[in-house]
Amino acid sequence: MYLERRKAWIYEVPLTAVHHLRESLNAVPPEQPIPDDIIAKYDPPVLASAVKLWLLELDPPIACWEGWEDLRRLYPNGSWSCLLCCSPFR
């Protein structure tokens, strides 16, 4: 089960599907919950890619290069390398 959840983060998905989901989510007013029918239309890898895109578009970003060492300290045994495999920059 862990492997299947992990795969959702690393599958390549059509960028058009990710942007379509993002546009659908952006159309929901902030004070309203996201309708289940929007989420139900997409496979988990598309949902995961939309989350990654959202994280990349945050202003200010969650982590910059200046904070990379701080992020690495959270995973002292080297397991932080899993972050690289999920990175959209790889």
Protein backbone atom coordinates (compact mmCIF):
# COMPACT_ATOMS: atom_id res chain seq x y z
CA MET A 1 0.00 0.00 0.00
CA TYR A 2 2.87 2.39 0.80
CA LEU A 3 4.34 1.76 -2.62
CA GLU A 4 1.07 2.61 -4.36
CA ARG A 5 0.75 5.87 -2.43
CA ARG A 6 4.35 6.75 -3.24
CA LYS A 7 3.78 6.04 -6.94
CA ALA A 8 1.01 8.63 -6.99
CA TRP A 9 3.69 11.27 -6.35
CA ILE A 10 6.15 10.13 -9.02
CA TYR A 11 4.01 9.14 -12.02
CA GLU A 12 4.21 11.43 -15.00
CA VAL A 13 0.78 12.80 -15.81
CA PRO A 14 -0.52 15.00 -18.62
CA LEU A 15 0.14 18.61 -17.74
CA THR A 16 -3.16 19.61 -19.33
CA ALA A 17 -5.02 17.45 -16.79
CA VAL A 18 -3.14 19.07 -13.92
CA HIS A 19 -3.91 22.57 -15.19
CA HIS A 20 -7.55 21.69 -15.80
CA LEU A 21 -7.83 20.47 -12.19
CA ARG A 22 -6.11 23.62 -10.95
CA GLU A 23 -8.52 25.82 -12.87
CA SER A 24 -11.48 23.85 -11.49
CA LEU A 25 -10.18 24.22 -7.94
CA ASN A 26 -9.45 27.93 -8.39
CA ALA A 27 -13.05 28.45 -9.50
CA VAL A 28 -14.35 27.32 -6.09
CA PRO A 29 -14.81 30.32 -3.78
CA PRO A 30 -12.40 30.18 -0.81
CA GLU A 31 -15.21 30.08 1.75
CA GLN A 32 -16.81 27.00 0.17
CA PRO A 33 -15.64 23.39 0.43
CA ILE A 34 -14.25 21.70 -2.67
CA PRO A 35 -17.02 19.63 -4.26
CA ASP A 36 -16.38 15.88 -4.28
CA ASP A 37 -17.30 15.60 -7.95
CA ILE A 38 -14.28 17.73 -8.92
CA ILE A 39 -11.88 15.44 -7.07
CA ALA A 40 -13.61 12.24 -8.25
CA LYS A 41 -12.85 13.05 -11.90
CA TYR A 42 -9.08 12.63 -11.46
CA ASP A 43 -6.69 9.79 -10.67
CA PRO A 44 -4.43 10.08 -7.61
CA PRO A 45 -1.30 10.94 -9.65
CA VAL A 46 -3.10 13.95 -11.17
CA LEU A 47 -4.23 15.06 -7.72
CA ALA A 48 -0.67 14.69 -6.39
CA SER A 49 0.71 16.68 -9.33
CA ALA A 50 -1.82 19.45 -8.66
CA VAL A 51 -0.64 19.60 -5.04
CA LYS A 52 2.99 19.81 -6.22
CA LEU A 53 2.06 22.59 -8.65
CA TRP A 54 0.23 24.46 -5.88
CA LEU A 55 3.29 24.17 -3.62
CA LEU A 56 5.52 25.48 -6.40
CA GLU A 57 3.25 28.46 -7.01
CA LEU A 58 3.02 29.60 -3.38
CA ASP A 59 4.28 33.09 -2.82
CA PRO A 60 6.43 33.03 -0.78
CA PRO A 61 7.49 29.44 -1.47
CA ILE A 62 7.55 26.89 1.31
CA ALA A 63 11.27 26.21 0.95
CA CYS A 64 13.96 28.06 -0.94
CA TRP A 65 17.55 27.06 -1.52
CA GLU A 66 18.45 29.12 1.54
CA GLY A 67 16.41 26.71 3.69
CA TRP A 68 17.68 23.50 2.09
CA GLU A 69 20.06 22.64 4.96
CA ASP A 70 17.27 23.16 7.48
CA LEU A 71 15.09 20.79 5.48
CA ARG A 72 17.87 18.20 5.34
CA ARG A 73 18.23 18.33 9.14
CA LEU A 74 14.67 17.00 9.40
CA TYR A 75 15.93 13.76 7.79
CA PRO A 76 19.39 13.19 9.31
CA ASN A 77 19.72 9.55 8.20
CA GLY A 78 19.69 10.48 4.51
CA SER A 79 16.05 9.60 3.87
CA TRP A 80 15.61 13.17 2.62
CA SER A 81 16.79 11.89 -0.76
CA CYS A 82 13.21 10.69 -1.30
CA LEU A 83 12.32 14.37 -1.63
CA LEU A 84 14.48 14.55 -4.73
CA CYS A 85 12.72 11.67 -6.45
CA CYS A 86 9.41 13.45 -6.02
CA SER A 87 10.75 16.81 -7.12
CA PRO A 88 9.30 18.29 -10.28
CA PHE A 89 12.82 19.60 -11.02
CA ARG A 90 14.44 16.18 -11.47
